[in-house]
């Protein structure tokens, strides 16, 4: 038996999520079994737990889009019992039982080996959010963006992806403008390395198709009008990496920034990244972060507290990364 958050939807109780004991025989198919030490609460997890969006594809479902732990059994030669591993993406927590549990059974191709200089807890402070942030930075650099290009703007900077992106960019020598709707987080964002704090009200409403060129590049976690305004405000030859839709799935923009300034908009998908690239990105992350930085980004809760904390996350009351101790 192991403990897990389980989401169900039935006529008797409706949609609900609760912590319960689960028999190991109920684990879904997979060739590697992992004893989970830490998981996280991401925005998608909070949507799934609260039922605010149709995240879950089948029931019952264990939420949790990422986890870090130790292999307990493996039918694949890539991993052996005792290996420390990380999982992000691949529909885990949506289509396949996820990380908000004490045990998981998954496919070997979804896992990467935990870098030697990261603990399981540190790996989950980084988690899907940090992994996505690093992919965004790599996407911008692929377009020729360097610290010499100019300032980088990050939307949703008080959230998980945004906060890690701010800190990683600062560590890499970029000047960072952080966009937030929480003015009380100013000191926190400056501590992460932001050079400028911008109120999201400057960007989250309809704007002109082409605006004053303010930034060399942007990382956008929210979509909709914010993404459109960022594209309209990037310098000639700049780039925008889009990875989220917290404001909306729409993109009310024009072609003006693309044909008059030659900017590039690149989408970042963190779910189905090939295993070799995943391992490389995790090695990059392990070389960039330090203990003090990780602690400043995070808070911790237990599995017992995760449902309540998910509702706090939906209410915008959580900043940075929320790590879940699973055992």
C-alpha atoms as a PDB file:
ATOM      1  CA  UNK A   1       0.000   0.000   0.000  1.00  0.00           C
ATOM      2  CA  UNK A   2       1.038   3.596  -0.576  1.00  0.00           C
ATOM      3  CA  UNK A   3      -0.538   7.014  -0.100  1.00  0.00           C
ATOM      4  CA  UNK A   4      -1.698   9.058  -3.085  1.00  0.00           C
ATOM      5  CA  UNK A   5      -3.954  11.924  -4.026  1.00  0.00           C
ATOM      6  CA  UNK A   6      -6.701  10.401  -6.142  1.00  0.00           C
ATOM      7  CA  UNK A   7      -9.177  12.312  -8.308  1.00  0.00           C
ATOM      8  CA  UNK A   8     -12.544  10.735  -9.103  1.00  0.00           C
ATOM      9  CA  UNK A   9     -15.745  11.889 -10.775  1.00  0.00           C
ATOM     10  CA  UNK A  10     -18.932   9.934 -10.130  1.00  0.00           C
ATOM     11  CA  UNK A  11     -22.659  10.451  -9.626  1.00  0.00           C
ATOM     12  CA  UNK A  12     -22.540   9.837  -5.884  1.00  0.00           C
ATOM     13  CA  UNK A  13     -19.859  12.399  -4.985  1.00  0.00           C
ATOM     14  CA  UNK A  14     -19.227  14.423  -8.123  1.00  0.00           C
ATOM     15  CA  UNK A  15     -15.716  15.605  -8.937  1.00  0.00           C
ATOM     16  CA  UNK A  16     -13.404  15.266  -5.940  1.00  0.00           C
ATOM     17  CA  UNK A  17      -9.765  14.772  -4.920  1.00  0.00           C
ATOM     18  CA  UNK A  18      -8.662  13.174  -1.662  1.00  0.00           C
ATOM     19  CA  UNK A  19      -5.645  11.515  -0.086  1.00  0.00           C
ATOM     20  CA  UNK A  20      -6.104   7.772   0.275  1.00  0.00           C
ATOM     21  CA  UNK A  21      -4.341   4.426   0.576  1.00  0.00           C
ATOM     22  CA  UNK A  22      -3.786   2.693  -2.761  1.00  0.00           C
ATOM     23  CA  UNK A  23      -2.838  -0.937  -3.364  1.00  0.00           C
ATOM     24  CA  UNK A  24       0.226  -1.381  -5.551  1.00  0.00           C
ATOM     25  CA  UNK A  25      -1.791  -3.651  -7.861  1.00  0.00           C
ATOM     26  CA  UNK A  26      -3.722  -0.553  -8.968  1.00  0.00           C
ATOM     27  CA  UNK A  27      -0.630   1.111 -10.468  1.00  0.00           C
ATOM     28  CA  UNK A  28      -0.932   1.643 -14.232  1.00  0.00           C
ATOM     29  CA  UNK A  29       1.322  -0.268 -16.660  1.00  0.00           C
ATOM     30  CA  UNK A  30       4.971   0.758 -16.938  1.00  0.00           C
ATOM     31  CA  UNK A  31       8.427  -0.786 -16.878  1.00  0.00           C
ATOM     32  CA  UNK A  32       9.984   1.254 -14.054  1.00  0.00           C
ATOM     33  CA  UNK A  33       8.619   1.639 -10.519  1.00  0.00           C
ATOM     34  CA  UNK A  34       9.767   4.664  -8.521  1.00  0.00           C
ATOM     35  CA  UNK A  35       9.482   5.436  -4.825  1.00  0.00           C
ATOM     36  CA  UNK A  36       8.678   9.165  -4.903  1.00  0.00           C
ATOM     37  CA  UNK A  37      10.432  11.468  -2.470  1.00  0.00           C
ATOM     38  CA  UNK A  38       9.204  14.842  -3.744  1.00  0.00           C
ATOM     39  CA  UNK A  39       6.701  16.196  -6.234  1.00  0.00           C
ATOM     40  CA  UNK A  40       5.366  19.722  -6.785  1.00  0.00           C
ATOM     41  CA  UNK A  41       2.167  21.675  -7.212  1.00  0.00           C
ATOM     42  CA  UNK A  42       2.090  23.339 -10.607  1.00  0.00           C
ATOM     43  CA  UNK A  43      -0.722  25.456 -12.061  1.00  0.00           C
ATOM     44  CA  UNK A  44      -1.883  22.485 -14.152  1.00  0.00           C
ATOM     45  CA  UNK A  45      -1.986  20.316 -11.002  1.00  0.00           C
ATOM     46  CA  UNK A  46      -4.100  22.936  -9.248  1.00  0.00           C
ATOM     47  CA  UNK A  47      -6.496  23.016 -12.217  1.00  0.00           C
ATOM     48  CA  UNK A  48      -6.788  19.227 -12.058  1.00  0.00           C
ATOM     49  CA  UNK A  49      -7.286  19.040  -8.284  1.00  0.00           C
ATOM     50  CA  UNK A  50      -9.841  21.858  -8.242  1.00  0.00           C
ATOM     51  CA  UNK A  51     -11.658  20.681 -11.368  1.00  0.00           C
ATOM     52  CA  UNK A  52     -11.493  24.207 -12.812  1.00  0.00           C
ATOM     53  CA  UNK A  53     -10.446  22.870 -16.217  1.00  0.00           C
ATOM     54  CA  UNK A  54     -10.815  19.493 -17.965  1.00  0.00           C
ATOM     55  CA  UNK A  55      -7.216  18.431 -17.347  1.00  0.00           C
ATOM     56  CA  UNK A  56      -7.934  14.824 -16.372  1.00  0.00           C
ATOM     57  CA  UNK A  57      -8.524  12.429 -19.271  1.00  0.00           C
ATOM     58  CA  UNK A  58      -9.659   9.337 -17.301  1.00  0.00           C
ATOM     59  CA  UNK A  59     -10.644   8.382 -13.751  1.00  0.00           C
ATOM     60  CA  UNK A  60      -9.423   7.526 -11.203  1.00  0.00           C
ATOM     61  CA  UNK A  61      -6.325   9.707 -11.682  1.00  0.00           C
ATOM     62  CA  UNK A  62      -3.359  10.609  -9.497  1.00  0.00           C
ATOM     63  CA  UNK A  63      -2.369  14.222 -10.324  1.00  0.00           C
ATOM     64  CA  UNK A  64       1.156  15.599 -10.346  1.00  0.00           C
ATOM     65  CA  UNK A  65       3.026  16.446 -13.555  1.00  0.00           C
ATOM     66  CA  UNK A  66       6.489  15.803 -12.116  1.00  0.00           C
ATOM     67  CA  UNK A  67       8.362  13.896  -9.422  1.00  0.00           C
ATOM     68  CA  UNK A  68      11.811  12.900  -8.185  1.00  0.00           C
ATOM     69  CA  UNK A  69      12.631   9.664  -6.414  1.00  0.00           C
ATOM     70  CA  UNK A  70      14.450   6.350  -6.373  1.00  0.00           C
ATOM     71  CA  UNK A  71      13.928   3.390  -8.705  1.00  0.00           C
ATOM     72  CA  UNK A  72      12.645   0.381  -6.760  1.00  0.00           C
ATOM     73  CA  UNK A  73      12.138  -1.984  -9.701  1.00  0.00           C
ATOM     74  CA  UNK A  74      12.971  -1.858 -13.406  1.00  0.00           C
ATOM     75  CA  UNK A  75      12.426  -4.047 -16.463  1.00  0.00           C
ATOM     76  CA  UNK A  76      14.501  -1.685 -18.601  1.00  0.00           C
ATOM     77  CA  UNK A  77      18.301  -1.826 -18.798  1.00  0.00           C
ATOM     78  CA  UNK A  78      18.587   1.976 -18.678  1.00  0.00           C
ATOM     79  CA  UNK A  79      17.631   2.100 -14.998  1.00  0.00           C
ATOM     80  CA  UNK A  80      18.400  -0.103 -12.017  1.00  0.00           C
ATOM     81  CA  UNK A  81      17.048  -0.214  -8.456  1.00  0.00           C
ATOM     82  CA  UNK A  82      18.655   2.568  -6.444  1.00  0.00           C
ATOM     83  CA  UNK A  83      18.971   5.006  -9.365  1.00  0.00           C
ATOM     84  CA  UNK A  84      17.857   8.557  -8.591  1.00  0.00           C
ATOM     85  CA  UNK A  85      15.488   9.773 -11.290  1.00  0.00           C
ATOM     86  CA  UNK A  86      13.369  12.757 -12.362  1.00  0.00           C
ATOM     87  CA  UNK A  87      10.191  12.822 -14.412  1.00  0.00           C
ATOM     88  CA  UNK A  88       8.502  15.799 -16.047  1.00  0.00           C
ATOM     89  CA  UNK A  89       5.852  15.835 -18.769  1.00  0.00           C
ATOM     90  CA  UNK A  90       4.602  12.965 -20.954  1.00  0.00           C
ATOM     91  CA  UNK A  91       0.994  13.452 -19.833  1.00  0.00           C
ATOM     92  CA  UNK A  92       1.747  12.181 -16.341  1.00  0.00           C
ATOM     93  CA  UNK A  93      -0.917  13.472 -13.958  1.00  0.00           C
ATOM     94  CA  UNK A  94      -3.345  13.852 -16.886  1.00  0.00           C
ATOM     95  CA  UNK A  95      -3.441  10.562 -18.814  1.00  0.00           C
ATOM     96  CA  UNK A  96      -1.144   8.460 -16.625  1.00  0.00           C
ATOM     97  CA  UNK A  97      -0.934   8.404 -12.826  1.00  0.00           C
ATOM     98  CA  UNK A  98       1.365  11.157 -11.635  1.00  0.00           C
ATOM     99  CA  UNK A  99       3.660  12.315  -8.900  1.00  0.00           C
ATOM    100  CA  UNK A 100       1.434  13.381  -5.998  1.00  0.00           C
ATOM    101  CA  UNK A 101       1.851   9.962  -4.442  1.00  0.00           C
ATOM    102  CA  UNK A 102       4.445   7.845  -2.698  1.00  0.00           C
ATOM    103  CA  UNK A 103       4.921   5.528  -5.685  1.00  0.00           C
ATOM    104  CA  UNK A 104       4.638   5.603  -9.466  1.00  0.00           C
ATOM    105  CA  UNK A 105       5.004   3.155 -12.337  1.00  0.00           C
ATOM    106  CA  UNK A 106       6.075   4.752 -15.626  1.00  0.00           C
ATOM    107  CA  UNK A 107       7.891   4.114 -18.893  1.00  0.00           C
ATOM    108  CA  UNK A 108      11.694   4.263 -18.813  1.00  0.00           C
ATOM    109  CA  UNK A 109      11.760   6.708 -21.736  1.00  0.00           C
ATOM    110  CA  UNK A 110       9.986   9.301 -19.617  1.00  0.00           C
ATOM    111  CA  UNK A 111      12.694   9.377 -16.949  1.00  0.00           C
ATOM    112  CA  UNK A 112      16.091  11.044 -16.705  1.00  0.00           C
ATOM    113  CA  UNK A 113      18.825  10.377 -14.193  1.00  0.00           C
ATOM    114  CA  UNK A 114      19.065  12.960 -11.456  1.00  0.00           C
ATOM    115  CA  UNK A 115      22.324  14.974 -11.756  1.00  0.00           C
ATOM    116  CA  UNK A 116      24.794  14.078  -9.013  1.00  0.00           C
ATOM    117  CA  UNK A 117      24.883  17.599  -7.602  1.00  0.00           C
ATOM    118  CA  UNK A 118      21.097  17.861  -7.159  1.00  0.00           C
ATOM    119  CA  UNK A 119      18.986  16.328  -4.395  1.00  0.00           C
ATOM    120  CA  UNK A 120      15.442  15.121  -5.084  1.00  0.00           C
ATOM    121  CA  UNK A 121      14.084  18.164  -3.249  1.00  0.00           C
ATOM    122  CA  UNK A 122      16.255  20.550  -5.253  1.00  0.00           C
ATOM    123  CA  UNK A 123      15.223  18.833  -8.479  1.00  0.00           C
ATOM    124  CA  UNK A 124      11.582  19.453  -7.630  1.00  0.00           C
ATOM    125  CA  UNK A 125      12.135  23.085  -6.662  1.00  0.00           C
ATOM    126  CA  UNK A 126      13.328  23.354 -10.263  1.00  0.00           C
ATOM    127  CA  UNK A 127      10.718  20.864 -11.514  1.00  0.00           C
ATOM    128  CA  UNK A 128       8.616  21.279 -14.628  1.00  0.00           C
ATOM    129  CA  UNK A 129       8.703  25.055 -14.147  1.00  0.00           C
ATOM    130  CA  UNK A 130      12.487  25.277 -14.181  1.00  0.00           C
ATOM    131  CA  UNK A 131      12.751  22.764 -16.991  1.00  0.00           C
ATOM    132  CA  UNK A 132      10.337  24.864 -19.070  1.00  0.00           C
ATOM    133  CA  UNK A 133      12.182  28.083 -18.202  1.00  0.00           C
ATOM    134  CA  UNK A 134      15.490  26.590 -19.371  1.00  0.00           C
ATOM    135  CA  UNK A 135      13.879  25.429 -22.618  1.00  0.00           C
ATOM    136  CA  UNK A 136      12.660  29.006 -23.177  1.00  0.00           C
ATOM    137  CA  UNK A 137      16.134  30.423 -22.602  1.00  0.00           C
ATOM    138  CA  UNK A 138      17.642  27.869 -24.963  1.00  0.00           C
ATOM    139  CA  UNK A 139      15.016  28.811 -27.577  1.00  0.00           C
ATOM    140  CA  UNK A 140      15.940  32.509 -27.321  1.00  0.00           C
ATOM    141  CA  UNK A 141      19.649  31.771 -27.534  1.00  0.00           C
ATOM    142  CA  UNK A 142      19.009  29.628 -30.600  1.00  0.00           C
ATOM    143  CA  UNK A 143      17.657  32.820 -32.201  1.00  0.00           C
ATOM    144  CA  UNK A 144      20.928  34.621 -31.433  1.00  0.00           C
ATOM    145  CA  UNK A 145      19.881  36.376 -28.210  1.00  0.00           C
ATOM    146  CA  UNK A 146      22.782  37.044 -25.830  1.00  0.00           C
ATOM    147  CA  UNK A 147      23.240  39.316 -22.790  1.00  0.00           C
ATOM    148  CA  UNK A 148      24.698  41.903 -25.176  1.00  0.00           C
ATOM    149  CA  UNK A 149      21.420  41.958 -27.158  1.00  0.00           C
ATOM    150  CA  UNK A 150      19.576  43.908 -24.458  1.00  0.00           C
ATOM    151  CA  UNK A 151      17.034  43.378 -21.708  1.00  0.00           C
ATOM    152  CA  UNK A 152      14.790  40.306 -21.540  1.00  0.00           C
ATOM    153  CA  UNK A 153      11.225  40.654 -20.242  1.00  0.00           C
ATOM    154  CA  UNK A 154       9.491  37.806 -18.387  1.00  0.00           C
ATOM    155  CA  UNK A 155       5.721  37.795 -17.885  1.00  0.00           C
ATOM    156  CA  UNK A 156       4.091  36.027 -14.949  1.00  0.00           C
ATOM    157  CA  UNK A 157       7.322  36.537 -13.035  1.00  0.00           C
ATOM    158  CA  UNK A 158       5.814  35.745  -9.625  1.00  0.00           C
ATOM    159  CA  UNK A 159       4.759  32.298 -10.810  1.00  0.00           C
ATOM    160  CA  UNK A 160       6.776  29.114 -11.035  1.00  0.00           C
ATOM    161  CA  UNK A 161       8.079  29.292 -14.613  1.00  0.00           C
ATOM    162  CA  UNK A 162       8.462  33.068 -14.538  1.00  0.00           C
ATOM    163  CA  UNK A 163      10.336  33.163 -11.250  1.00  0.00           C
ATOM    164  CA  UNK A 164      12.818  30.497 -12.291  1.00  0.00           C
ATOM    165  CA  UNK A 165      13.261  32.194 -15.670  1.00  0.00           C
ATOM    166  CA  UNK A 166      14.107  35.497 -13.962  1.00  0.00           C
ATOM    167  CA  UNK A 167      16.680  33.848 -11.715  1.00  0.00           C
ATOM    168  CA  UNK A 168      18.284  31.767 -14.487  1.00  0.00           C
ATOM    169  CA  UNK A 169      18.526  34.723 -16.866  1.00  0.00           C
ATOM    170  CA  UNK A 170      20.149  36.832 -14.158  1.00  0.00           C
ATOM    171  CA  UNK A 171      22.646  34.049 -13.424  1.00  0.00           C
ATOM    172  CA  UNK A 172      23.505  33.951 -17.134  1.00  0.00           C
ATOM    173  CA  UNK A 173      24.242  37.678 -17.165  1.00  0.00           C
ATOM    174  CA  UNK A 174      21.039  39.041 -18.721  1.00  0.00           C
ATOM    175  CA  UNK A 175      19.298  42.203 -17.580  1.00  0.00           C
ATOM    176  CA  UNK A 176      15.755  41.138 -16.730  1.00  0.00           C
ATOM    177  CA  UNK A 177      12.453  43.029 -16.616  1.00  0.00           C
ATOM    178  CA  UNK A 178       9.909  41.134 -14.502  1.00  0.00           C
ATOM    179  CA  UNK A 179       6.175  41.547 -15.130  1.00  0.00           C
ATOM    180  CA  UNK A 180       3.838  40.859 -12.217  1.00  0.00           C
ATOM    181  CA  UNK A 181       0.367  41.705 -10.981  1.00  0.00           C
ATOM    182  CA  UNK A 182       1.529  41.443  -7.379  1.00  0.00           C
ATOM    183  CA  UNK A 183       3.297  44.664  -6.351  1.00  0.00           C
ATOM    184  CA  UNK A 184       3.997  43.138  -2.930  1.00  0.00           C
ATOM    185  CA  UNK A 185       6.423  40.735  -4.635  1.00  0.00           C
ATOM    186  CA  UNK A 186       8.778  43.507  -5.754  1.00  0.00           C
ATOM    187  CA  UNK A 187      11.511  42.707  -3.231  1.00  0.00           C
ATOM    188  CA  UNK A 188      11.232  38.987  -3.982  1.00  0.00           C
ATOM    189  CA  UNK A 189      11.699  39.566  -7.716  1.00  0.00           C
ATOM    190  CA  UNK A 190      14.621  41.914  -7.151  1.00  0.00           C
ATOM    191  CA  UNK A 191      16.176  39.229  -4.963  1.00  0.00           C
ATOM    192  CA  UNK A 192      15.792  36.740  -7.824  1.00  0.00           C
ATOM    193  CA  UNK A 193      17.783  39.092 -10.049  1.00  0.00           C
ATOM    194  CA  UNK A 194      15.248  41.326 -11.793  1.00  0.00           C
ATOM    195  CA  UNK A 195      16.549  44.785 -12.694  1.00  0.00           C
ATOM    196  CA  UNK A 196      13.096  46.265 -13.347  1.00  0.00           C
ATOM    197  CA  UNK A 197       9.573  45.494 -12.128  1.00  0.00           C
ATOM    198  CA  UNK A 198       6.663  46.133 -14.503  1.00  0.00           C
ATOM    199  CA  UNK A 199       3.006  46.069 -13.511  1.00  0.00           C
ATOM    200  CA  UNK A 200       1.102  43.607 -15.644  1.00  0.00           C
ATOM    201  CA  UNK A 201      -1.596  46.241 -16.277  1.00  0.00           C
ATOM    202  CA  UNK A 202       0.824  47.771 -18.807  1.00  0.00           C
ATOM    203  CA  UNK A 203       0.567  44.646 -20.960  1.00  0.00           C
ATOM    204  CA  UNK A 204      -2.615  42.680 -20.272  1.00  0.00           C
ATOM    205  CA  UNK A 205      -5.080  44.810 -22.261  1.00  0.00           C
ATOM    206  CA  UNK A 206      -5.504  45.390 -26.020  1.00  0.00           C
ATOM    207  CA  UNK A 207      -2.612  47.435 -27.410  1.00  0.00           C
ATOM    208  CA  UNK A 208      -1.308  48.854 -30.676  1.00  0.00           C
ATOM    209  CA  UNK A 209      -0.084  46.392 -33.332  1.00  0.00           C
ATOM    210  CA  UNK A 210       3.399  47.906 -33.151  1.00  0.00           C
ATOM    211  CA  UNK A 211       4.676  49.635 -30.010  1.00  0.00           C
ATOM    212  CA  UNK A 212       7.860  51.213 -28.700  1.00  0.00           C
ATOM    213  CA  UNK A 213      10.712  48.719 -28.933  1.00  0.00           C
ATOM    214  CA  UNK A 214      11.642  48.034 -25.294  1.00  0.00           C
ATOM    215  CA  UNK A 215      13.194  44.579 -25.064  1.00  0.00           C
ATOM    216  CA  UNK A 216      15.559  42.364 -27.037  1.00  0.00           C
ATOM    217  CA  UNK A 217      13.469  39.298 -26.232  1.00  0.00           C
ATOM    218  CA  UNK A 218      10.670  37.976 -24.048  1.00  0.00           C
ATOM    219  CA  UNK A 219       9.591  34.865 -22.205  1.00  0.00           C
ATOM    220  CA  UNK A 220       5.805  34.749 -21.952  1.00  0.00           C
ATOM    221  CA  UNK A 221       3.933  32.463 -19.570  1.00  0.00           C
ATOM    222  CA  UNK A 222       0.438  33.937 -19.899  1.00  0.00           C
ATOM    223  CA  UNK A 223      -0.627  34.289 -23.561  1.00  0.00           C
ATOM    224  CA  UNK A 224      -3.524  36.418 -24.859  1.00  0.00           C
ATOM    225  CA  UNK A 225      -3.084  40.228 -24.870  1.00  0.00           C
ATOM    226  CA  UNK A 226       0.135  40.017 -22.863  1.00  0.00           C
ATOM    227  CA  UNK A 227       1.806  37.883 -25.522  1.00  0.00           C
ATOM    228  CA  UNK A 228       0.522  40.165 -28.290  1.00  0.00           C
ATOM    229  CA  UNK A 229       1.849  43.273 -26.530  1.00  0.00           C
ATOM    230  CA  UNK A 230       5.218  41.648 -25.870  1.00  0.00           C
ATOM    231  CA  UNK A 231       5.564  40.781 -29.550  1.00  0.00           C
ATOM    232  CA  UNK A 232       4.670  44.377 -30.424  1.00  0.00           C
ATOM    233  CA  UNK A 233       7.345  45.701 -28.034  1.00  0.00           C
ATOM    234  CA  UNK A 234      10.361  43.570 -28.957  1.00  0.00           C
ATOM    235  CA  UNK A 235      13.264  45.156 -30.813  1.00  0.00           C
ATOM    236  CA  UNK A 236      14.147  44.493 -34.448  1.00  0.00           C
ATOM    237  CA  UNK A 237      15.415  40.938 -34.892  1.00  0.00           C
ATOM    238  CA  UNK A 238      14.292  39.952 -31.405  1.00  0.00           C
ATOM    239  CA  UNK A 239      12.532  36.822 -30.240  1.00  0.00           C
ATOM    240  CA  UNK A 240       9.664  35.752 -28.000  1.00  0.00           C
ATOM    241  CA  UNK A 241       9.403  32.319 -26.355  1.00  0.00           C
ATOM    242  CA  UNK A 242       5.803  31.430 -25.489  1.00  0.00           C
ATOM    243  CA  UNK A 243       5.139  28.657 -22.983  1.00  0.00           C
ATOM    244  CA  UNK A 244       1.892  29.401 -21.121  1.00  0.00           C
ATOM    245  CA  UNK A 245      -1.733  30.490 -21.292  1.00  0.00           C
ATOM    246  CA  UNK A 246      -2.635  31.744 -17.800  1.00  0.00           C
ATOM    247  CA  UNK A 247      -4.395  34.788 -19.305  1.00  0.00           C
ATOM    248  CA  UNK A 248      -5.910  32.887 -22.213  1.00  0.00           C
ATOM    249  CA  UNK A 249      -5.387  30.701 -25.261  1.00  0.00           C
ATOM    250  CA  UNK A 250      -6.135  33.523 -27.693  1.00  0.00           C
ATOM    251  CA  UNK A 251      -3.469  35.557 -29.496  1.00  0.00           C
ATOM    252  CA  UNK A 252      -5.019  38.892 -30.552  1.00  0.00           C
ATOM    253  CA  UNK A 253      -2.013  40.178 -32.515  1.00  0.00           C
ATOM    254  CA  UNK A 254      -1.102  41.409 -35.989  1.00  0.00           C
ATOM    255  CA  UNK A 255       1.659  40.528 -38.420  1.00  0.00           C
ATOM    256  CA  UNK A 256       3.291  43.965 -37.950  1.00  0.00           C
ATOM    257  CA  UNK A 257       6.090  42.927 -35.502  1.00  0.00           C
ATOM    258  CA  UNK A 258       6.965  39.960 -37.703  1.00  0.00           C
ATOM    259  CA  UNK A 259       7.161  41.718 -41.074  1.00  0.00           C
ATOM    260  CA  UNK A 260       8.304  45.164 -39.935  1.00  0.00           C
ATOM    261  CA  UNK A 261      10.766  44.186 -37.188  1.00  0.00           C
ATOM    262  CA  UNK A 262      11.565  40.631 -38.197  1.00  0.00           C
ATOM    263  CA  UNK A 263      10.904  39.177 -34.774  1.00  0.00           C
ATOM    264  CA  UNK A 264      10.572  35.453 -34.116  1.00  0.00           C
ATOM    265  CA  UNK A 265       7.837  33.853 -32.025  1.00  0.00           C
ATOM    266  CA  UNK A 266       8.798  30.368 -30.883  1.00  0.00           C
ATOM    267  CA  UNK A 267       6.561  27.994 -28.982  1.00  0.00           C
ATOM    268  CA  UNK A 268       8.019  25.928 -26.154  1.00  0.00           C
ATOM    269  CA  UNK A 269       6.565  22.510 -25.361  1.00  0.00           C
ATOM    270  CA  UNK A 270       8.040  20.856 -22.274  1.00  0.00           C
ATOM    271  CA  UNK A 271       5.863  17.726 -22.350  1.00  0.00           C
ATOM    272  CA  UNK A 272       7.336  15.549 -25.099  1.00  0.00           C
ATOM    273  CA  UNK A 273      10.992  16.625 -25.172  1.00  0.00           C
ATOM    274  CA  UNK A 274      13.206  13.650 -26.184  1.00  0.00           C
ATOM    275  CA  UNK A 275      15.100  11.920 -23.385  1.00  0.00           C
ATOM    276  CA  UNK A 276      18.605  12.953 -24.527  1.00  0.00           C
ATOM    277  CA  UNK A 277      17.606  16.626 -24.705  1.00  0.00           C
ATOM    278  CA  UNK A 278      15.939  16.342 -21.295  1.00  0.00           C
ATOM    279  CA  UNK A 279      19.109  15.001 -19.753  1.00  0.00           C
ATOM    280  CA  UNK A 280      21.125  17.850 -21.293  1.00  0.00           C
ATOM    281  CA  UNK A 281      18.719  20.494 -19.976  1.00  0.00           C
ATOM    282  CA  UNK A 282      18.848  18.994 -16.479  1.00  0.00           C
ATOM    283  CA  UNK A 283      22.635  19.124 -16.558  1.00  0.00           C
ATOM    284  CA  UNK A 284      22.408  22.784 -17.566  1.00  0.00           C
ATOM    285  CA  UNK A 285      20.059  23.474 -14.665  1.00  0.00           C
ATOM    286  CA  UNK A 286      22.262  21.640 -12.173  1.00  0.00           C
ATOM    287  CA  UNK A 287      25.165  23.874 -13.173  1.00  0.00           C
ATOM    288  CA  UNK A 288      23.227  27.129 -12.833  1.00  0.00           C
ATOM    289  CA  UNK A 289      21.336  26.932  -9.548  1.00  0.00           C
ATOM    290  CA  UNK A 290      22.568  27.079  -5.970  1.00  0.00           C
ATOM    291  CA  UNK A 291      21.040  26.250  -2.603  1.00  0.00           C
ATOM    292  CA  UNK A 292      20.270  29.828  -1.587  1.00  0.00           C
ATOM    293  CA  UNK A 293      18.604  30.577  -4.914  1.00  0.00           C
ATOM    294  CA  UNK A 294      16.489  27.435  -4.766  1.00  0.00           C
ATOM    295  CA  UNK A 295      15.343  28.116  -1.224  1.00  0.00           C
ATOM    296  CA  UNK A 296      14.345  31.673  -2.139  1.00  0.00           C
ATOM    297  CA  UNK A 297      12.143  30.266  -4.893  1.00  0.00           C
ATOM    298  CA  UNK A 298      10.269  27.693  -2.859  1.00  0.00           C
ATOM    299  CA  UNK A 299       7.924  26.649  -0.094  1.00  0.00           C
ATOM    300  CA  UNK A 300       7.122  23.111   1.036  1.00  0.00           C
ATOM    301  CA  UNK A 301       4.045  21.155   2.048  1.00  0.00           C
ATOM    302  CA  UNK A 302       3.081  17.528   2.655  1.00  0.00           C
ATOM    303  CA  UNK A 303       0.726  15.310   0.666  1.00  0.00           C
ATOM    304  CA  UNK A 304      -1.861  15.857   3.407  1.00  0.00           C
ATOM    305  CA  UNK A 305      -1.775  19.609   2.763  1.00  0.00           C
ATOM    306  CA  UNK A 306      -1.628  19.484  -1.033  1.00  0.00           C
ATOM    307  CA  UNK A 307      -5.347  19.850  -1.813  1.00  0.00           C
ATOM    308  CA  UNK A 308      -5.689  22.992   0.327  1.00  0.00           C
ATOM    309  CA  UNK A 309      -2.501  24.444  -1.148  1.00  0.00           C
ATOM    310  CA  UNK A 310      -3.777  23.745  -4.681  1.00  0.00           C
ATOM    311  CA  UNK A 311      -6.792  25.955  -3.994  1.00  0.00           C
ATOM    312  CA  UNK A 312      -4.451  28.667  -2.668  1.00  0.00           C
ATOM    313  CA  UNK A 313      -2.471  28.393  -5.898  1.00  0.00           C
ATOM    314  CA  UNK A 314      -5.651  28.847  -7.930  1.00  0.00           C
ATOM    315  CA  UNK A 315      -6.449  31.941  -5.860  1.00  0.00           C
ATOM    316  CA  UNK A 316      -3.052  33.478  -6.676  1.00  0.00           C
ATOM    317  CA  UNK A 317      -1.820  33.155  -3.098  1.00  0.00           C
ATOM    318  CA  UNK A 318       1.301  31.083  -3.861  1.00  0.00           C
ATOM    319  CA  UNK A 319       4.488  32.576  -5.250  1.00  0.00           C
ATOM    320  CA  UNK A 320       7.382  30.695  -6.781  1.00  0.00           C
ATOM    321  CA  UNK A 321       7.605  26.930  -6.415  1.00  0.00           C
ATOM    322  CA  UNK A 322       5.600  24.745  -4.040  1.00  0.00           C
ATOM    323  CA  UNK A 323       7.382  21.459  -3.317  1.00  0.00           C
ATOM    324  CA  UNK A 324       5.405  18.491  -1.986  1.00  0.00           C
ATOM    325  CA  UNK A 325       7.154  16.056   0.379  1.00  0.00           C
ATOM    326  CA  UNK A 326       5.651  12.671  -0.460  1.00  0.00           C
ATOM    327  CA  UNK A 327       7.147  10.474   2.256  1.00  0.00           C
END
